[in-house]
């Protein structure tokens, strides 16, 4: 299992709720600061992280994402 955190910049107020609709997103919540929401994802393979990030970037209103992979 590979875990990653995707930071999302979006002016949409309910972006965290939209993130939770993506299958691999195990948790998401709004944040203050440079990014507006965080999505925590769990996938089987490292390559799947890019697929999930692409799904997030296709959500209306998402301006930018930044991905951090958990290092064990």
N, C-alpha and C. Protein backbone atom coordinates (compact mmCIF):
# COMPACT_ATOMS: atom_id res chain seq x y z
N UNK A 1 0.85 -1.18 0.00
CA UNK A 1 0.00 0.00 0.00
C UNK A 1 0.90 1.24 0.00
N UNK A 2 0.56 2.18 -0.85
CA UNK A 2 1.29 3.44 -0.94
C UNK A 2 0.33 4.56 -0.54
N UNK A 3 0.79 5.42 0.34
CA UNK A 3 -0.03 6.54 0.81
C UNK A 3 0.59 7.84 0.30
N UNK A 4 -0.28 8.76 -0.10
CA UNK A 4 0.18 10.07 -0.55
C UNK A 4 -0.78 11.13 -0.06
N UNK A 5 -0.27 12.34 0.01
CA UNK A 5 -1.08 13.50 0.37
C UNK A 5 -1.07 14.43 -0.84
N UNK A 6 -2.25 14.83 -1.27
CA UNK A 6 -2.35 15.76 -2.39
C UNK A 6 -2.94 17.06 -1.87
N UNK A 7 -2.17 18.13 -2.01
CA UNK A 7 -2.62 19.45 -1.61
C UNK A 7 -3.33 20.08 -2.80
N UNK A 8 -4.46 20.71 -2.54
CA UNK A 8 -5.30 21.23 -3.62
C UNK A 8 -5.57 22.72 -3.44
N UNK A 9 -5.36 23.45 -4.51
CA UNK A 9 -5.67 24.88 -4.52
C UNK A 9 -6.92 25.08 -5.35
N UNK A 10 -7.97 25.57 -4.72
CA UNK A 10 -9.24 25.79 -5.42
C UNK A 10 -10.06 26.82 -4.64
N UNK A 11 -10.63 27.79 -5.35
CA UNK A 11 -11.48 28.76 -4.66
C UNK A 11 -12.85 28.19 -4.27
N UNK A 12 -13.18 27.00 -4.75
CA UNK A 12 -14.48 26.39 -4.43
C UNK A 12 -14.52 26.01 -2.96
N UNK A 13 -15.57 26.40 -2.29
CA UNK A 13 -15.68 26.16 -0.85
C UNK A 13 -15.89 24.69 -0.50
N UNK A 14 -16.54 23.94 -1.34
CA UNK A 14 -16.85 22.54 -1.02
C UNK A 14 -15.90 21.56 -1.71
N UNK A 15 -14.70 22.00 -2.03
CA UNK A 15 -13.77 21.14 -2.76
C UNK A 15 -13.42 19.88 -1.97
N UNK A 16 -13.30 19.98 -0.65
CA UNK A 16 -12.96 18.80 0.16
C UNK A 16 -14.03 17.72 0.03
N UNK A 17 -15.28 18.11 -0.02
CA UNK A 17 -16.36 17.13 -0.19
C UNK A 17 -16.30 16.47 -1.56
N UNK A 18 -15.93 17.23 -2.57
CA UNK A 18 -15.80 16.65 -3.92
C UNK A 18 -14.64 15.66 -3.98
N UNK A 19 -13.58 15.95 -3.26
CA UNK A 19 -12.42 15.05 -3.26
C UNK A 19 -12.78 13.69 -2.69
N UNK A 20 -13.65 13.66 -1.69
CA UNK A 20 -14.03 12.40 -1.05
C UNK A 20 -14.76 11.45 -1.99
N UNK A 21 -15.27 11.97 -3.11
CA UNK A 21 -15.99 11.13 -4.06
C UNK A 21 -15.05 10.30 -4.93
N UNK A 22 -13.77 10.61 -4.91
CA UNK A 22 -12.80 9.84 -5.70
C UNK A 22 -12.45 8.57 -4.93
N UNK A 23 -12.47 7.46 -5.62
CA UNK A 23 -12.36 6.14 -5.01
C UNK A 23 -11.16 5.97 -4.07
N UNK A 24 -9.98 6.38 -4.45
CA UNK A 24 -8.77 6.15 -3.64
C UNK A 24 -8.58 7.15 -2.52
N UNK A 25 -9.41 8.19 -2.46
CA UNK A 25 -9.27 9.20 -1.41
C UNK A 25 -9.88 8.64 -0.12
N UNK A 26 -9.03 8.45 0.89
CA UNK A 26 -9.50 7.90 2.16
C UNK A 26 -9.96 9.00 3.13
N UNK A 27 -9.46 10.22 2.92
CA UNK A 27 -9.87 11.34 3.76
C UNK A 27 -9.56 12.63 3.02
N UNK A 28 -10.34 13.64 3.28
CA UNK A 28 -10.03 14.98 2.76
C UNK A 28 -10.67 16.00 3.69
N UNK A 29 -10.03 17.15 3.75
CA UNK A 29 -10.53 18.19 4.62
C UNK A 29 -10.03 19.55 4.14
N UNK A 30 -10.78 20.61 4.43
CA UNK A 30 -10.35 21.96 4.06
C UNK A 30 -9.21 22.42 4.96
N UNK A 31 -8.37 23.29 4.44
CA UNK A 31 -7.25 23.83 5.21
C UNK A 31 -7.16 25.34 4.99
N UNK A 32 -6.42 25.99 5.84
CA UNK A 32 -6.13 27.41 5.64
C UNK A 32 -4.68 27.51 5.16
N UNK A 33 -4.35 28.62 4.56
CA UNK A 33 -2.99 28.80 4.10
C UNK A 33 -2.90 28.75 2.58
N UNK A 34 -1.76 28.33 2.08
CA UNK A 34 -1.50 28.33 0.64
C UNK A 34 -2.43 27.41 -0.14
N UNK A 35 -2.83 26.28 0.46
CA UNK A 35 -3.72 25.34 -0.19
C UNK A 35 -5.07 25.34 0.51
N UNK A 36 -6.11 24.97 -0.24
CA UNK A 36 -7.47 25.04 0.28
C UNK A 36 -7.99 23.72 0.82
N UNK A 37 -7.38 22.61 0.41
CA UNK A 37 -7.83 21.30 0.86
C UNK A 37 -6.70 20.29 0.76
N UNK A 38 -6.85 19.22 1.52
CA UNK A 38 -5.90 18.11 1.52
C UNK A 38 -6.68 16.84 1.21
N UNK A 39 -6.11 16.01 0.34
CA UNK A 39 -6.67 14.68 0.07
C UNK A 39 -5.63 13.65 0.45
N UNK A 40 -6.01 12.70 1.26
CA UNK A 40 -5.12 11.59 1.62
C UNK A 40 -5.57 10.40 0.79
N UNK A 41 -4.62 9.81 0.06
CA UNK A 41 -4.97 8.69 -0.80
C UNK A 41 -4.15 7.46 -0.45
N UNK A 42 -4.76 6.31 -0.66
CA UNK A 42 -4.10 5.02 -0.50
C UNK A 42 -4.30 4.24 -1.79
N UNK A 43 -3.20 3.80 -2.38
CA UNK A 43 -3.25 3.03 -3.63
C UNK A 43 -2.32 1.83 -3.50
N UNK A 44 -2.48 0.89 -4.40
CA UNK A 44 -1.66 -0.32 -4.36
C UNK A 44 -0.27 -0.11 -4.94
N UNK A 45 -0.16 0.73 -5.96
CA UNK A 45 1.12 0.94 -6.64
C UNK A 45 1.42 2.42 -6.79
N UNK A 46 2.69 2.74 -6.79
CA UNK A 46 3.14 4.13 -6.89
C UNK A 46 2.59 4.81 -8.14
N UNK A 47 2.54 4.10 -9.25
CA UNK A 47 2.05 4.68 -10.52
C UNK A 47 0.61 5.15 -10.43
N UNK A 48 -0.18 4.57 -9.55
CA UNK A 48 -1.59 4.95 -9.42
C UNK A 48 -1.77 6.34 -8.82
N UNK A 49 -0.77 6.85 -8.14
CA UNK A 49 -0.86 8.18 -7.55
C UNK A 49 -1.09 9.22 -8.64
N UNK A 50 -0.38 9.09 -9.74
CA UNK A 50 -0.55 10.04 -10.84
C UNK A 50 -1.96 9.99 -11.40
N UNK A 51 -2.54 8.80 -11.49
CA UNK A 51 -3.90 8.66 -11.99
C UNK A 51 -4.90 9.39 -11.09
N UNK A 52 -4.72 9.24 -9.79
CA UNK A 52 -5.62 9.91 -8.84
C UNK A 52 -5.42 11.43 -8.91
N UNK A 53 -4.17 11.86 -8.99
CA UNK A 53 -3.89 13.30 -9.10
C UNK A 53 -4.54 13.87 -10.36
N UNK A 54 -4.49 13.13 -11.45
CA UNK A 54 -5.13 13.58 -12.69
C UNK A 54 -6.64 13.70 -12.53
N UNK A 55 -7.26 12.76 -11.80
CA UNK A 55 -8.70 12.83 -11.54
C UNK A 55 -9.04 14.09 -10.74
N UNK A 56 -8.21 14.37 -9.75
CA UNK A 56 -8.43 15.56 -8.90
C UNK A 56 -8.29 16.83 -9.75
N UNK A 57 -7.30 16.87 -10.61
CA UNK A 57 -7.07 18.06 -11.43
C UNK A 57 -8.22 18.31 -12.42
N UNK A 58 -8.97 17.28 -12.74
CA UNK A 58 -10.11 17.44 -13.66
C UNK A 58 -11.36 17.98 -12.97
N UNK A 59 -11.38 18.04 -11.64
CA UNK A 59 -12.53 18.58 -10.92
C UNK A 59 -12.65 20.07 -11.22
N UNK A 60 -13.84 20.50 -11.55
CA UNK A 60 -14.08 21.90 -11.86
C UNK A 60 -13.64 22.79 -10.69
N UNK A 61 -12.83 23.78 -10.99
CA UNK A 61 -12.38 24.73 -9.97
C UNK A 61 -11.01 24.43 -9.40
N UNK A 62 -10.49 23.25 -9.63
CA UNK A 62 -9.14 22.95 -9.13
C UNK A 62 -8.13 23.69 -9.99
N UNK A 63 -7.33 24.52 -9.33
CA UNK A 63 -6.35 25.34 -10.05
C UNK A 63 -4.97 24.70 -10.05
N UNK A 64 -4.64 24.00 -8.96
CA UNK A 64 -3.28 23.48 -8.82
C UNK A 64 -3.27 22.40 -7.76
N UNK A 65 -2.37 21.42 -7.93
CA UNK A 65 -2.19 20.40 -6.90
C UNK A 65 -0.70 20.21 -6.65
N UNK A 66 -0.40 19.68 -5.50
CA UNK A 66 0.98 19.30 -5.17
C UNK A 66 0.88 17.97 -4.42
N UNK A 67 1.69 17.01 -4.84
CA UNK A 67 1.61 15.67 -4.28
C UNK A 67 2.85 15.35 -3.47
N UNK A 68 2.63 14.75 -2.31
CA UNK A 68 3.71 14.28 -1.43
C UNK A 68 3.46 12.81 -1.13
N UNK A 69 4.46 11.97 -1.39
CA UNK A 69 4.34 10.54 -1.15
C UNK A 69 4.95 10.21 0.20
N UNK A 70 4.23 9.40 0.98
CA UNK A 70 4.74 8.99 2.29
C UNK A 70 5.97 8.12 2.10
N UNK A 71 7.01 8.39 2.87
CA UNK A 71 8.25 7.63 2.82
C UNK A 71 8.31 6.77 4.08
N UNK A 72 8.53 5.49 3.86
CA UNK A 72 8.59 4.59 5.02
C UNK A 72 9.97 4.02 5.20
